[in-house]
Amino acid sequence: MKILLLAAVMVVGLNGPSDAGTRNFFNPTVGGDRLSFCANYDDICGKPVADAWCRAIGFEEAVNYRRDTARNGRAIVARYADTGDLCRGKTCESFRQIKCWNGAR
């Protein structure tokens, strides 16, 4: 699986991971836009995308995540981390929260 995360370059400004433990990121972003819940236009979704995002910012993996969908007629703008393209509209989904883990098992 190939997920070339723009997040590795575009999440400048986030503090690095702690030496061990977990950290919650609410409404995680790539290039200033919400991180899309899927990569490759819905080919890969959820955990693999969250894992790649966590690795791109120095953590080992995602241990929890929550999806955000358009509700009550509101549209979401989300960026696909693998292509950098934007999804705009009521069918787009993004991450509401990603909990990244860093430490020994």
PDB file of N, CA and C in Angstrom:
ATOM      1  N   MET A   1       0.860  -1.166   0.000  1.00  0.00           N
ATOM      2  CA  MET A   1       0.000   0.000   0.000  1.00  0.00           C
ATOM      3  C   MET A   1       0.903   1.224   0.000  1.00  0.00           C
ATOM      4  N   LYS A   2       0.564   2.123  -0.871  1.00  0.00           N
ATOM      5  CA  LYS A   2       1.397   3.323  -1.002  1.00  0.00           C
ATOM      6  C   LYS A   2       0.574   4.540  -0.610  1.00  0.00           C
ATOM      7  N   ILE A   3       0.915   5.126   0.512  1.00  0.00           N
ATOM      8  CA  ILE A   3       0.270   6.372   0.922  1.00  0.00           C
ATOM      9  C   ILE A   3       1.383   7.387   1.090  1.00  0.00           C
ATOM     10  N   LEU A   4       1.504   8.265   0.126  1.00  0.00           N
ATOM     11  CA  LEU A   4       2.515   9.311   0.199  1.00  0.00           C
ATOM     12  C   LEU A   4       1.902  10.499   0.905  1.00  0.00           C
ATOM     13  N   LEU A   5       2.148  10.612   2.157  1.00  0.00           N
ATOM     14  CA  LEU A   5       1.496  11.652   2.939  1.00  0.00           C
ATOM     15  C   LEU A   5       2.154  12.994   2.746  1.00  0.00           C
ATOM     16  N   LEU A   6       1.369  13.916   2.293  1.00  0.00           N
ATOM     17  CA  LEU A   6       1.815  15.296   2.266  1.00  0.00           C
ATOM     18  C   LEU A   6       1.979  15.809   3.683  1.00  0.00           C
ATOM     19  N   ALA A   7       1.370  15.110   4.615  1.00  0.00           N
ATOM     20  CA  ALA A   7       1.444  15.530   6.012  1.00  0.00           C
ATOM     21  C   ALA A   7       2.881  15.621   6.491  1.00  0.00           C
ATOM     22  N   ALA A   8       3.744  14.790   5.972  1.00  0.00           N
ATOM     23  CA  ALA A   8       5.133  14.812   6.409  1.00  0.00           C
ATOM     24  C   ALA A   8       5.760  16.173   6.167  1.00  0.00           C
ATOM     25  N   VAL A   9       5.309  16.845   5.138  1.00  0.00           N
ATOM     26  CA  VAL A   9       5.845  18.152   4.797  1.00  0.00           C
ATOM     27  C   VAL A   9       4.945  19.264   5.301  1.00  0.00           C
ATOM     28  N   MET A  10       3.650  19.009   5.370  1.00  0.00           N
ATOM     29  CA  MET A  10       2.693  20.078   5.571  1.00  0.00           C
ATOM     30  C   MET A  10       2.230  20.275   7.001  1.00  0.00           C
ATOM     31  N   VAL A  11       2.596  19.434   7.933  1.00  0.00           N
ATOM     32  CA  VAL A  11       2.132  19.623   9.300  1.00  0.00           C
ATOM     33  C   VAL A  11       3.156  20.347  10.155  1.00  0.00           C
ATOM     34  N   VAL A  12       3.939  21.162   9.535  1.00  0.00           N
ATOM     35  CA  VAL A  12       4.911  21.960  10.266  1.00  0.00           C
ATOM     36  C   VAL A  12       4.160  22.798  11.292  1.00  0.00           C
ATOM     37  N   GLY A  13       4.714  22.889  12.456  1.00  0.00           N
ATOM     38  CA  GLY A  13       4.051  23.659  13.504  1.00  0.00           C
ATOM     39  C   GLY A  13       3.490  22.775  14.595  1.00  0.00           C
ATOM     40  N   LEU A  14       3.293  21.485  14.298  1.00  0.00           N
ATOM     41  CA  LEU A  14       2.864  20.586  15.355  1.00  0.00           C
ATOM     42  C   LEU A  14       4.059  20.266  16.229  1.00  0.00           C
ATOM     43  N   ASN A  15       3.830  20.165  17.499  1.00  0.00           N
ATOM     44  CA  ASN A  15       4.907  19.746  18.386  1.00  0.00           C
ATOM     45  C   ASN A  15       5.215  18.291  18.112  1.00  0.00           C
ATOM     46  N   GLY A  16       6.448  17.911  18.310  1.00  0.00           N
ATOM     47  CA  GLY A  16       6.840  16.528  18.108  1.00  0.00           C
ATOM     48  C   GLY A  16       6.194  15.631  19.145  1.00  0.00           C
ATOM     49  N   PRO A  17       6.277  14.327  18.923  1.00  0.00           N
ATOM     50  CA  PRO A  17       5.655  13.394  19.854  1.00  0.00           C
ATOM     51  C   PRO A  17       6.404  13.350  21.172  1.00  0.00           C
ATOM     52  N   SER A  18       5.702  12.949  22.190  1.00  0.00           N
ATOM     53  CA  SER A  18       6.373  12.731  23.463  1.00  0.00           C
ATOM     54  C   SER A  18       7.198  11.455  23.350  1.00  0.00           C
ATOM     55  N   ASP A  19       8.083  11.227  24.292  1.00  0.00           N
ATOM     56  CA  ASP A  19       8.943  10.054  24.235  1.00  0.00           C
ATOM     57  C   ASP A  19       8.146   8.762  24.308  1.00  0.00           C
ATOM     58  N   ALA A  20       7.085   8.754  25.044  1.00  0.00           N
ATOM     59  CA  ALA A  20       6.247   7.568  25.148  1.00  0.00           C
ATOM     60  C   ALA A  20       4.829   8.011  25.439  1.00  0.00           C
ATOM     61  N   GLY A  21       3.888   7.168  25.106  1.00  0.00           N
ATOM     62  CA  GLY A  21       2.510   7.454  25.419  1.00  0.00           C
ATOM     63  C   GLY A  21       1.680   7.793  24.203  1.00  0.00           C
ATOM     64  N   THR A  22       0.563   8.428  24.465  1.00  0.00           N
ATOM     65  CA  THR A  22      -0.371   8.760  23.398  1.00  0.00           C
ATOM     66  C   THR A  22      -0.634  10.261  23.377  1.00  0.00           C
ATOM     67  N   ARG A  23      -1.131  10.694  22.241  1.00  0.00           N
ATOM     68  CA  ARG A  23      -1.539  12.091  22.112  1.00  0.00           C
ATOM     69  C   ARG A  23      -2.751  12.158  21.194  1.00  0.00           C
ATOM     70  N   ASN A  24      -3.747  12.913  21.619  1.00  0.00           N
ATOM     71  CA  ASN A  24      -4.951  13.119  20.822  1.00  0.00           C
ATOM     72  C   ASN A  24      -4.794  14.338  19.935  1.00  0.00           C
ATOM     73  N   PHE A  25      -5.204  14.196  18.690  1.00  0.00           N
ATOM     74  CA  PHE A  25      -5.246  15.312  17.750  1.00  0.00           C
ATOM     75  C   PHE A  25      -6.692  15.445  17.285  1.00  0.00           C
ATOM     76  N   PHE A  26      -7.280  16.593  17.556  1.00  0.00           N
ATOM     77  CA  PHE A  26      -8.657  16.825  17.157  1.00  0.00           C
ATOM     78  C   PHE A  26      -8.673  17.609  15.854  1.00  0.00           C
ATOM     79  N   ASN A  27      -9.510  17.169  14.921  1.00  0.00           N
ATOM     80  CA  ASN A  27      -9.601  17.761  13.592  1.00  0.00           C
ATOM     81  C   ASN A  27      -8.222  17.863  12.938  1.00  0.00           C
ATOM     82  N   PRO A  28      -7.518  16.730  12.799  1.00  0.00           N
ATOM     83  CA  PRO A  28      -6.167  16.761  12.226  1.00  0.00           C
ATOM     84  C   PRO A  28      -6.172  17.321  10.812  1.00  0.00           C
ATOM     85  N   THR A  29      -5.093  18.003  10.470  1.00  0.00           N
ATOM     86  CA  THR A  29      -5.030  18.695   9.181  1.00  0.00           C
ATOM     87  C   THR A  29      -3.822  18.276   8.357  1.00  0.00           C
ATOM     88  N   VAL A  30      -3.947  18.531   7.078  1.00  0.00           N
ATOM     89  CA  VAL A  30      -2.866  18.407   6.099  1.00  0.00           C
ATOM     90  C   VAL A  30      -2.912  19.679   5.271  1.00  0.00           C
ATOM     91  N   GLY A  31      -1.854  20.422   5.265  1.00  0.00           N
ATOM     92  CA  GLY A  31      -1.814  21.651   4.474  1.00  0.00           C
ATOM     93  C   GLY A  31      -2.876  22.663   4.856  1.00  0.00           C
ATOM     94  N   GLY A  32      -3.282  22.657   6.122  1.00  0.00           N
ATOM     95  CA  GLY A  32      -4.278  23.613   6.586  1.00  0.00           C
ATOM     96  C   GLY A  32      -5.715  23.171   6.389  1.00  0.00           C
ATOM     97  N   ASP A  33      -5.921  22.029   5.754  1.00  0.00           N
ATOM     98  CA  ASP A  33      -7.268  21.493   5.545  1.00  0.00           C
ATOM     99  C   ASP A  33      -7.436  20.216   6.354  1.00  0.00           C
ATOM    100  N   ARG A  34      -8.670  19.905   6.694  1.00  0.00           N
ATOM    101  CA  ARG A  34      -8.954  18.668   7.428  1.00  0.00           C
ATOM    102  C   ARG A  34      -8.431  17.466   6.655  1.00  0.00           C
ATOM    103  N   LEU A  35      -7.926  16.478   7.376  1.00  0.00           N
ATOM    104  CA  LEU A  35      -7.424  15.247   6.778  1.00  0.00           C
ATOM    105  C   LEU A  35      -8.595  14.377   6.354  1.00  0.00           C
ATOM    106  N   SER A  36      -8.634  13.998   5.077  1.00  0.00           N
ATOM    107  CA  SER A  36      -9.690  13.133   4.574  1.00  0.00           C
ATOM    108  C   SER A  36      -9.639  11.777   5.262  1.00  0.00           C
ATOM    109  N   PHE A  37     -10.800  11.204   5.517  1.00  0.00           N
ATOM    110  CA  PHE A  37     -10.897   9.894   6.156  1.00  0.00           C
ATOM    111  C   PHE A  37     -10.380   8.792   5.241  1.00  0.00           C
ATOM    112  N   CYS A  38     -10.388   9.056   3.956  1.00  0.00           N
ATOM    113  CA  CYS A  38      -9.948   8.063   2.976  1.00  0.00           C
ATOM    114  C   CYS A  38      -8.780   8.594   2.154  1.00  0.00           C
ATOM    115  N   ALA A  39      -8.041   7.680   1.590  1.00  0.00           N
ATOM    116  CA  ALA A  39      -6.998   8.001   0.622  1.00  0.00           C
ATOM    117  C   ALA A  39      -7.445   7.427  -0.718  1.00  0.00           C
ATOM    118  N   ASN A  40      -6.788   7.815  -1.762  1.00  0.00           N
ATOM    119  CA  ASN A  40      -7.081   7.241  -3.078  1.00  0.00           C
ATOM    120  C   ASN A  40      -8.563   7.292  -3.434  1.00  0.00           C
ATOM    121  N   TYR A  41      -9.222   8.369  -3.096  1.00  0.00           N
ATOM    122  CA  TYR A  41     -10.640   8.524  -3.426  1.00  0.00           C
ATOM    123  C   TYR A  41     -11.461   7.323  -2.983  1.00  0.00           C
ATOM    124  N   ASP A  42     -11.400   7.024  -1.695  1.00  0.00           N
ATOM    125  CA  ASP A  42     -12.194   5.991  -1.034  1.00  0.00           C
ATOM    126  C   ASP A  42     -11.655   4.584  -1.210  1.00  0.00           C
ATOM    127  N   ASP A  43     -10.459   4.422  -1.760  1.00  0.00           N
ATOM    128  CA  ASP A  43      -9.883   3.094  -1.921  1.00  0.00           C
ATOM    129  C   ASP A  43      -9.367   2.552  -0.589  1.00  0.00           C
ATOM    130  N   ILE A  44      -8.781   3.412   0.219  1.00  0.00           N
ATOM    131  CA  ILE A  44      -8.224   3.037   1.521  1.00  0.00           C
ATOM    132  C   ILE A  44      -8.770   4.037   2.534  1.00  0.00           C
ATOM    133  N   CYS A  45      -9.387   3.536   3.590  1.00  0.00           N
ATOM    134  CA  CYS A  45     -10.014   4.436   4.567  1.00  0.00           C
ATOM    135  C   CYS A  45      -9.687   4.034   6.000  1.00  0.00           C
ATOM    136  N   GLY A  46      -9.832   4.994   6.905  1.00  0.00           N
ATOM    137  CA  GLY A  46      -9.754   4.719   8.330  1.00  0.00           C
ATOM    138  C   GLY A  46      -8.362   4.480   8.870  1.00  0.00           C
ATOM    139  N   LYS A  47      -8.165   3.321   9.483  1.00  0.00           N
ATOM    140  CA  LYS A  47      -6.937   3.002  10.213  1.00  0.00           C
ATOM    141  C   LYS A  47      -5.667   3.168   9.387  1.00  0.00           C
ATOM    142  N   PRO A  48      -5.581   2.681   8.144  1.00  0.00           N
ATOM    143  CA  PRO A  48      -4.334   2.871   7.390  1.00  0.00           C
ATOM    144  C   PRO A  48      -3.981   4.344   7.174  1.00  0.00           C
ATOM    145  N   VAL A  49      -4.981   5.170   6.959  1.00  0.00           N
ATOM    146  CA  VAL A  49      -4.743   6.608   6.763  1.00  0.00           C
ATOM    147  C   VAL A  49      -4.314   7.244   8.086  1.00  0.00           C
ATOM    148  N   ALA A  50      -5.003   6.896   9.165  1.00  0.00           N
ATOM    149  CA  ALA A  50      -4.643   7.425  10.488  1.00  0.00           C
ATOM    150  C   ALA A  50      -3.235   6.981  10.888  1.00  0.00           C
ATOM    151  N   ASP A  51      -2.908   5.715  10.636  1.00  0.00           N
ATOM    152  CA  ASP A  51      -1.557   5.217  10.938  1.00  0.00           C
ATOM    153  C   ASP A  51      -0.497   6.001  10.181  1.00  0.00           C
ATOM    154  N   ALA A  52      -0.717   6.194   8.893  1.00  0.00           N
ATOM    155  CA  ALA A  52       0.258   6.915   8.066  1.00  0.00           C
ATOM    156  C   ALA A  52       0.422   8.353   8.543  1.00  0.00           C
ATOM    157  N   TRP A  53      -0.686   8.996   8.931  1.00  0.00           N
ATOM    158  CA  TRP A  53      -0.612  10.373   9.426  1.00  0.00           C
ATOM    159  C   TRP A  53       0.193  10.431  10.717  1.00  0.00           C
ATOM    160  N   CYS A  54      -0.067   9.488  11.629  1.00  0.00           N
ATOM    161  CA  CYS A  54       0.694   9.450  12.888  1.00  0.00           C
ATOM    162  C   CYS A  54       2.179   9.233  12.612  1.00  0.00           C
ATOM    163  N   ARG A  55       2.516   8.309  11.725  1.00  0.00           N
ATOM    164  CA  ARG A  55       3.925   8.069  11.400  1.00  0.00           C
ATOM    165  C   ARG A  55       4.571   9.310  10.797  1.00  0.00           C
ATOM    166  N   ALA A  56       3.821  10.031   9.977  1.00  0.00           N
ATOM    167  CA  ALA A  56       4.365  11.228   9.320  1.00  0.00           C
ATOM    168  C   ALA A  56       4.735  12.318  10.322  1.00  0.00           C
ATOM    169  N   ILE A  57       4.096  12.297  11.496  1.00  0.00           N
ATOM    170  CA  ILE A  57       4.419  13.317  12.498  1.00  0.00           C
ATOM    171  C   ILE A  57       5.242  12.751  13.649  1.00  0.00           C
ATOM    172  N   GLY A  58       5.787  11.549  13.466  1.00  0.00           N
ATOM    173  CA  GLY A  58       6.736  11.017  14.420  1.00  0.00           C
ATOM    174  C   GLY A  58       6.224  10.009  15.425  1.00  0.00           C
ATOM    175  N   PHE A  59       4.988   9.585  15.296  1.00  0.00           N
ATOM    176  CA  PHE A  59       4.448   8.555  16.174  1.00  0.00           C
ATOM    177  C   PHE A  59       4.528   7.205  15.472  1.00  0.00           C
ATOM    178  N   GLU A  60       4.221   6.144  16.209  1.00  0.00           N
ATOM    179  CA  GLU A  60       4.302   4.805  15.639  1.00  0.00           C
ATOM    180  C   GLU A  60       3.034   4.381  14.916  1.00  0.00           C
ATOM    181  N   GLU A  61       1.884   4.686  15.495  1.00  0.00           N
ATOM    182  CA  GLU A  61       0.626   4.281  14.881  1.00  0.00           C
ATOM    183  C   GLU A  61      -0.539   5.005  15.545  1.00  0.00           C
ATOM    184  N   ALA A  62      -1.698   4.857  14.924  1.00  0.00           N
ATOM    185  CA  ALA A  62      -2.937   5.370  15.514  1.00  0.00           C
ATOM    186  C   ALA A  62      -3.559   4.253  16.344  1.00  0.00           C
ATOM    187  N   VAL A  63      -3.963   4.581  17.556  1.00  0.00           N
ATOM    188  CA  VAL A  63      -4.609   3.585  18.403  1.00  0.00           C
ATOM    189  C   VAL A  63      -6.116   3.813  18.493  1.00  0.00           C
ATOM    190  N   ASN A  64      -6.556   4.954  18.013  1.00  0.00           N
ATOM    191  CA  ASN A  64      -7.979   5.262  18.000  1.00  0.00           C
ATOM    192  C   ASN A  64      -8.210   6.396  17.015  1.00  0.00           C
ATOM    193  N   TYR A  65      -9.393   6.432  16.436  1.00  0.00           N
ATOM    194  CA  TYR A  65      -9.744   7.522  15.528  1.00  0.00           C
ATOM    195  C   TYR A  65     -11.258   7.615  15.442  1.00  0.00           C
ATOM    196  N   ARG A  66     -11.730   8.776  15.051  1.00  0.00           N
ATOM    197  CA  ARG A  66     -13.169   9.002  14.848  1.00  0.00           C
ATOM    198  C   ARG A  66     -13.381   9.736  13.537  1.00  0.00           C
ATOM    199  N   ARG A  67     -14.408   9.335  12.854  1.00  0.00           N
ATOM    200  CA  ARG A  67     -14.754   9.921  11.564  1.00  0.00           C
ATOM    201  C   ARG A  67     -15.731  11.074  11.757  1.00  0.00           C
ATOM    202  N   ASP A  68     -15.610  12.081  10.907  1.00  0.00           N
ATOM    203  CA  ASP A  68     -16.541  13.205  10.887  1.00  0.00           C
ATOM    204  C   ASP A  68     -17.205  13.224   9.519  1.00  0.00           C
ATOM    205  N   THR A  69     -18.512  13.200   9.509  1.00  0.00           N
ATOM    206  CA  THR A  69     -19.256  13.238   8.256  1.00  0.00           C
ATOM    207  C   THR A  69     -20.090  14.506   8.196  1.00  0.00           C
ATOM    208  N   ALA A  70     -20.483  14.861   6.998  1.00  0.00           N
ATOM    209  CA  ALA A  70     -21.339  16.035   6.821  1.00  0.00           C
ATOM    210  C   ALA A  70     -22.686  15.759   7.485  1.00  0.00           C
ATOM    211  N   ARG A  71     -23.156  16.716   8.276  1.00  0.00           N
ATOM    212  CA  ARG A  71     -24.440  16.577   8.951  1.00  0.00           C
ATOM    213  C   ARG A  71     -25.214  17.873   8.833  1.00  0.00           C
ATOM    214  N   ASN A  72     -26.497  17.741   8.888  1.00  0.00           N
ATOM    215  CA  ASN A  72     -27.378  18.908   8.885  1.00  0.00           C
ATOM    216  C   ASN A  72     -27.111  19.837   7.707  1.00  0.00           C
ATOM    217  N   GLY A  73     -26.785  19.247   6.580  1.00  0.00           N
ATOM    218  CA  GLY A  73     -26.599  20.040   5.371  1.00  0.00           C
ATOM    219  C   GLY A  73     -25.271  20.756   5.255  1.00  0.00           C
ATOM    220  N   ARG A  74     -24.380  20.579   6.237  1.00  0.00           N
ATOM    221  CA  ARG A  74     -23.091  21.271   6.141  1.00  0.00           C
ATOM    222  C   ARG A  74     -22.120  20.450   5.301  1.00  0.00           C
ATOM    223  N   ALA A  75     -21.309  21.135   4.585  1.00  0.00           N
ATOM    224  CA  ALA A  75     -20.309  20.486   3.746  1.00  0.00           C
ATOM    225  C   ALA A  75     -18.971  20.457   4.474  1.00  0.00           C
ATOM    226  N   ILE A  76     -18.155  19.496   4.126  1.00  0.00           N
ATOM    227  CA  ILE A  76     -16.811  19.364   4.679  1.00  0.00           C
ATOM    228  C   ILE A  76     -15.811  19.592   3.556  1.00  0.00           C
ATOM    229  N   VAL A  77     -14.729  20.255   3.869  1.00  0.00           N
ATOM    230  CA  VAL A  77     -13.587  20.344   2.958  1.00  0.00           C
ATOM    231  C   VAL A  77     -12.484  19.509   3.584  1.00  0.00           C
ATOM    232  N   ALA A  78     -12.023  18.503   2.863  1.00  0.00           N
ATOM    233  CA  ALA A  78     -10.981  17.615   3.385  1.00  0.00           C
ATOM    234  C   ALA A  78      -9.947  17.372   2.298  1.00  0.00           C
ATOM    235  N   ARG A  79      -8.704  17.217   2.725  1.00  0.00           N
ATOM    236  CA  ARG A  79      -7.610  16.986   1.775  1.00  0.00           C
ATOM    237  C   ARG A  79      -7.194  15.516   1.822  1.00  0.00           C
ATOM    238  N   TYR A  80      -7.101  14.912   0.627  1.00  0.00           N
ATOM    239  CA  TYR A  80      -6.562  13.560   0.515  1.00  0.00           C
ATOM    240  C   TYR A  80      -5.059  13.641   0.742  1.00  0.00           C
ATOM    241  N   ALA A  81      -4.562  12.944   1.746  1.00  0.00           N
ATOM    242  CA  ALA A  81      -3.147  13.038   2.097  1.00  0.00           C
ATOM    243  C   ALA A  81      -2.248  12.428   1.036  1.00  0.00           C
ATOM    244  N   ASP A  82      -2.754  11.458   0.295  1.00  0.00           N
ATOM    245  CA  ASP A  82      -1.898  10.789  -0.680  1.00  0.00           C
ATOM    246  C   ASP A  82      -1.735  11.575  -1.971  1.00  0.00           C
ATOM    247  N   THR A  83      -2.751  12.337  -2.358  1.00  0.00           N
ATOM    248  CA  THR A  83      -2.683  13.079  -3.625  1.00  0.00           C
ATOM    249  C   THR A  83      -2.600  14.584  -3.426  1.00  0.00           C
ATOM    250  N   GLY A  84      -3.063  15.064  -2.282  1.00  0.00           N
ATOM    251  CA  GLY A  84      -3.110  16.497  -2.040  1.00  0.00           C
ATOM    252  C   GLY A  84      -4.361  17.153  -2.592  1.00  0.00           C
ATOM    253  N   ASP A  85      -5.206  16.375  -3.274  1.00  0.00           N
ATOM    254  CA  ASP A  85      -6.449  16.915  -3.822  1.00  0.00           C
ATOM    255  C   ASP A  85      -7.434  17.219  -2.699  1.00  0.00           C
ATOM    256  N   LEU A  86      -8.352  18.138  -2.976  1.00  0.00           N
ATOM    257  CA  LEU A  86      -9.386  18.489  -2.005  1.00  0.00           C
ATOM    258  C   LEU A  86     -10.695  17.802  -2.341  1.00  0.00           C
ATOM    259  N   CYS A  87     -11.406  17.406  -1.314  1.00  0.00           N
ATOM    260  CA  CYS A  87     -12.776  16.928  -1.441  1.00  0.00           C
ATOM    261  C   CYS A  87     -13.649  18.014  -0.830  1.00  0.00           C
ATOM    262  N   ARG A  88     -14.613  18.479  -1.588  1.00  0.00           N
ATOM    263  CA  ARG A  88     -15.515  19.526  -1.097  1.00  0.00           C
ATOM    264  C   ARG A  88     -16.947  19.052  -1.272  1.00  0.00           C
ATOM    265  N   GLY A  89     -17.708  19.148  -0.212  1.00  0.00           N
ATOM    266  CA  GLY A  89     -19.111  18.825  -0.357  1.00  0.00           C
ATOM    267  C   GLY A  89     -19.662  17.977   0.764  1.00  0.00           C
ATOM    268  N   LYS A  90     -20.896  17.575   0.580  1.00  0.00           N
ATOM    269  CA  LYS A  90     -21.630  16.848   1.611  1.00  0.00           C
ATOM    270  C   LYS A  90     -21.284  15.368   1.654  1.00  0.00           C
ATOM    271  N   THR A  91     -20.549  14.865   0.666  1.00  0.00           N
ATOM    272  CA  THR A  91     -20.167  13.453   0.677  1.00  0.00           C
ATOM    273  C   THR A  91     -18.762  13.239   1.229  1.00  0.00           C
ATOM    274  N   CYS A  92     -18.060  14.306   1.531  1.00  0.00           N
ATOM    275  CA  CYS A  92     -16.686  14.194   2.037  1.00  0.00           C
ATOM    276  C   CYS A  92     -16.693  13.811   3.512  1.00  0.00           C
ATOM    277  N   GLU A  93     -15.691  13.046   3.889  1.00  0.00           N
ATOM    278  CA  GLU A  93     -15.523  12.666   5.282  1.00  0.00           C
ATOM    279  C   GLU A  93     -14.102  12.992   5.706  1.00  0.00           C
ATOM    280  N   SER A  94     -13.967  13.359   6.953  1.00  0.00           N
ATOM    281  CA  SER A  94     -12.645  13.676   7.485  1.00  0.00           C
ATOM    282  C   SER A  94     -12.511  12.997   8.846  1.00  0.00           C
ATOM    283  N   PHE A  95     -11.351  13.150   9.450  1.00  0.00           N
ATOM    284  CA  PHE A  95     -11.155  12.649  10.802  1.00  0.00           C
ATOM    285  C   PHE A  95     -11.581  13.724  11.789  1.00  0.00           C
ATOM    286  N   ARG A  96     -12.361  13.337  12.759  1.00  0.00           N
ATOM    287  CA  ARG A  96     -12.711  14.224  13.870  1.00  0.00           C
ATOM    288  C   ARG A  96     -11.601  14.175  14.919  1.00  0.00           C
ATOM    289  N   GLN A  97     -10.998  12.999  15.067  1.00  0.00           N
ATOM    290  CA  GLN A  97      -9.967  12.810  16.081  1.00  0.00           C
ATOM    291  C   GLN A  97      -9.079  11.645  15.677  1.00  0.00           C
ATOM    292  N   ILE A  98      -7.781  11.778  15.934  1.00  0.00           N
ATOM    293  CA  ILE A  98      -6.836  10.662  15.809  1.00  0.00           C
ATOM    294  C   ILE A  98      -5.997  10.648  17.081  1.00  0.00           C
ATOM    295  N   LYS A  99      -5.910   9.487  17.694  1.00  0.00           N
ATOM    296  CA  LYS A  99      -5.051   9.311  18.870  1.00  0.00           C
ATOM    297  C   LYS A  99      -3.829   8.520  18.418  1.00  0.00           C
ATOM    298  N   CYS A 100      -2.675   9.176  18.475  1.00  0.00           N
ATOM    299  CA  CYS A 100      -1.421   8.556  18.045  1.00  0.00           C
ATOM    300  C   CYS A 100      -0.684   7.988  19.250  1.00  0.00           C
ATOM    301  N   TRP A 101       0.043   6.922  19.019  1.00  0.00           N
ATOM    302  CA  TRP A 101       0.773   6.225  20.071  1.00  0.00           C
ATOM    303  C   TRP A 101       2.255   6.219  19.760  1.00  0.00           C
ATOM    304  N   ASN A 102       3.051   6.376  20.782  1.00  0.00           N
ATOM    305  CA  ASN A 102       4.499   6.349  20.630  1.00  0.00           C
ATOM    306  C   ASN A 102       5.093   5.723  21.881  1.00  0.00           C
ATOM    307  N   GLY A 103       5.653   4.550  21.756  1.00  0.00           N
ATOM    308  CA  GLY A 103       6.260   3.894  22.906  1.00  0.00           C
ATOM    309  C   GLY A 103       6.427   2.413  22.667  1.00  0.00           C
ATOM    310  N   ALA A 104       7.088   1.767  23.565  1.00  0.00           N
ATOM    311  CA  ALA A 104       7.345   0.335  23.437  1.00  0.00           C
ATOM    312  C   ALA A 104       6.105  -0.457  23.808  1.00  0.00           C
ATOM    313  N   ARG A 105       5.931  -1.556  23.147  1.00  0.00           N
ATOM    314  CA  ARG A 105       4.813  -2.455  23.460  1.00  0.00           C
ATOM    315  C   ARG A 105       5.208  -3.428  24.526  1.00  0.00           C
TER     316      ARG A 105
END
